[in-house]
Amino acid sequence: MRQDGPLEAVVLPISWIVLVLSGVLEAVWATALGKSEGLTRFWPAVVFFAVLAASMVGLAYAMRELPVGTSYAVWVGIGAVLTVVYAMLTGQEPVSALKVLFLAMIVGGVVGLKLVH
């Protein structure tokens, strides 16, 4: 017998898990692309192409069950936020209160898309 209540575990469908992981990989390939200096540095370029492929495969997998628009927006949002946060943490990009506010707005939009799906 199943009981639903406030302590019920939240279970994300595999498509959402794959989508989030693919968004994380987007941040990795975007960072690697920057470090490749226009694809002129071998190892960062290799990382870029390998992780780009994995990220795209994950996005495509998630789109088998999730709407294209929602999938793409979530994927881009996660990748964009993580890329900027990494750049700020490593000193490659300055931190400002407005920048943090706007990143939080992107995160809020991503969470909102999940909640309405």
Protein backbone atom coordinates (compact mmCIF):
# COMPACT_ATOMS: atom_id res chain seq x y z
CA MET A 1 0.00 0.00 0.00
CA ARG A 2 1.39 3.38 -1.01
CA GLN A 3 1.02 6.45 1.15
CA ASP A 4 1.45 9.92 -0.24
CA GLY A 5 2.30 12.64 2.19
CA PRO A 6 4.70 15.45 3.06
CA LEU A 7 7.59 13.03 3.65
CA GLU A 8 7.23 11.27 0.31
CA ALA A 9 10.54 11.09 -1.54
CA VAL A 10 10.92 13.31 -4.57
CA VAL A 11 11.98 11.22 -7.53
CA LEU A 12 13.22 12.88 -10.68
CA PRO A 13 12.66 11.01 -13.91
CA ILE A 14 15.89 9.86 -15.57
CA SER A 15 15.32 12.35 -18.39
CA TRP A 16 15.63 15.24 -15.92
CA ILE A 17 18.74 13.76 -14.30
CA VAL A 18 20.38 13.32 -17.70
CA LEU A 19 19.36 16.85 -18.70
CA VAL A 20 20.93 18.38 -15.59
CA LEU A 21 24.15 16.38 -16.06
CA SER A 22 24.24 17.46 -19.71
CA GLY A 23 23.89 21.07 -18.59
CA VAL A 24 26.88 20.59 -16.28
CA LEU A 25 28.82 19.16 -19.23
CA GLU A 26 27.89 22.25 -21.23
CA ALA A 27 29.78 24.35 -18.69
CA VAL A 28 32.77 22.00 -19.01
CA TRP A 29 32.91 22.23 -22.80
CA ALA A 30 32.36 25.99 -22.79
CA THR A 31 35.26 26.40 -20.35
CA ALA A 32 37.44 24.02 -22.38
CA LEU A 33 36.63 25.98 -25.54
CA GLY A 34 37.87 29.16 -23.85
CA LYS A 35 41.03 27.43 -22.64
CA SER A 36 41.68 26.04 -26.13
CA GLU A 37 42.40 29.59 -27.35
CA GLY A 38 40.40 29.22 -30.55
CA LEU A 39 41.02 25.45 -30.80
CA THR A 40 44.78 26.02 -31.07
CA ARG A 41 45.69 24.14 -27.86
CA PHE A 42 45.45 20.38 -28.32
CA TRP A 43 44.23 19.00 -24.96
CA PRO A 44 41.65 21.67 -24.22
CA ALA A 45 40.36 21.18 -27.78
CA VAL A 46 40.14 17.41 -27.24
CA VAL A 47 38.22 17.95 -23.99
CA PHE A 48 35.95 20.43 -25.78
CA PHE A 49 34.98 18.02 -28.57
CA ALA A 50 34.59 14.97 -26.32
CA VAL A 51 32.49 16.73 -23.69
CA LEU A 52 30.49 18.61 -26.34
CA ALA A 53 29.51 15.27 -27.87
CA ALA A 54 28.54 13.81 -24.48
CA SER A 55 26.53 16.91 -23.59
CA MET A 56 24.64 16.83 -26.91
CA VAL A 57 23.89 13.12 -26.58
CA GLY A 58 22.48 13.73 -23.11
CA LEU A 59 20.40 16.66 -24.33
CA ALA A 60 19.04 14.56 -27.19
CA TYR A 61 18.22 11.72 -24.78
CA ALA A 62 16.34 14.07 -22.46
CA MET A 63 14.39 15.50 -25.40
CA ARG A 64 12.92 12.07 -26.06
CA GLU A 65 10.64 12.64 -23.04
CA LEU A 66 10.79 16.38 -22.35
CA PRO A 67 9.62 19.26 -24.56
CA VAL A 68 12.32 20.71 -26.80
CA GLY A 69 11.90 24.28 -25.53
CA THR A 70 12.01 23.33 -21.87
CA SER A 71 14.94 20.97 -22.39
CA TYR A 72 16.99 23.51 -24.29
CA ALA A 73 16.26 26.35 -21.87
CA VAL A 74 17.19 24.25 -18.84
CA TRP A 75 20.34 22.93 -20.55
CA VAL A 76 21.51 26.41 -21.58
CA GLY A 77 20.59 27.92 -18.22
CA ILE A 78 22.56 25.37 -16.22
CA GLY A 79 25.53 25.60 -18.55
CA ALA A 80 25.56 29.39 -18.62
CA VAL A 81 25.28 29.81 -14.86
CA LEU A 82 27.96 27.23 -14.09
CA THR A 83 30.31 28.67 -16.72
CA VAL A 84 30.04 32.18 -15.25
CA VAL A 85 30.30 30.93 -11.65
CA TYR A 86 33.45 28.95 -12.51
CA ALA A 87 34.95 32.01 -14.21
CA MET A 88 34.15 34.17 -11.19
CA LEU A 89 35.57 31.61 -8.74
CA THR A 90 38.81 31.33 -10.70
CA GLY A 91 39.20 35.09 -11.06
CA GLN A 92 38.72 35.09 -14.82
CA GLU A 93 35.61 37.23 -14.50
CA PRO A 94 34.80 39.91 -11.93
CA VAL A 95 32.07 39.33 -9.35
CA SER A 96 29.35 41.91 -8.82
CA ALA A 97 26.09 41.98 -6.91
CA LEU A 98 24.13 42.57 -10.11
CA LYS A 99 25.82 39.68 -11.86
CA VAL A 100 24.97 37.36 -8.96
CA LEU A 101 21.38 38.65 -8.99
CA PHE A 102 20.99 37.98 -12.71
CA LEU A 103 22.51 34.50 -12.36
CA ALA A 104 20.03 33.81 -9.56
CA MET A 105 17.24 34.89 -11.92
CA ILE A 106 18.42 32.34 -14.48
CA VAL A 107 18.45 29.64 -11.79
CA GLY A 108 14.96 30.69 -10.76
CA GLY A 109 13.80 30.37 -14.36
CA VAL A 110 15.28 26.88 -14.66
CA VAL A 111 13.64 25.77 -11.41
CA GLY A 112 10.37 27.34 -12.55
CA LEU A 113 10.45 25.41 -15.82
CA LYS A 114 10.87 22.18 -13.87
CA LEU A 115 8.02 23.04 -11.51
CA VAL A 116 5.55 23.76 -14.31
CA HIS A 117 6.48 20.69 -16.33
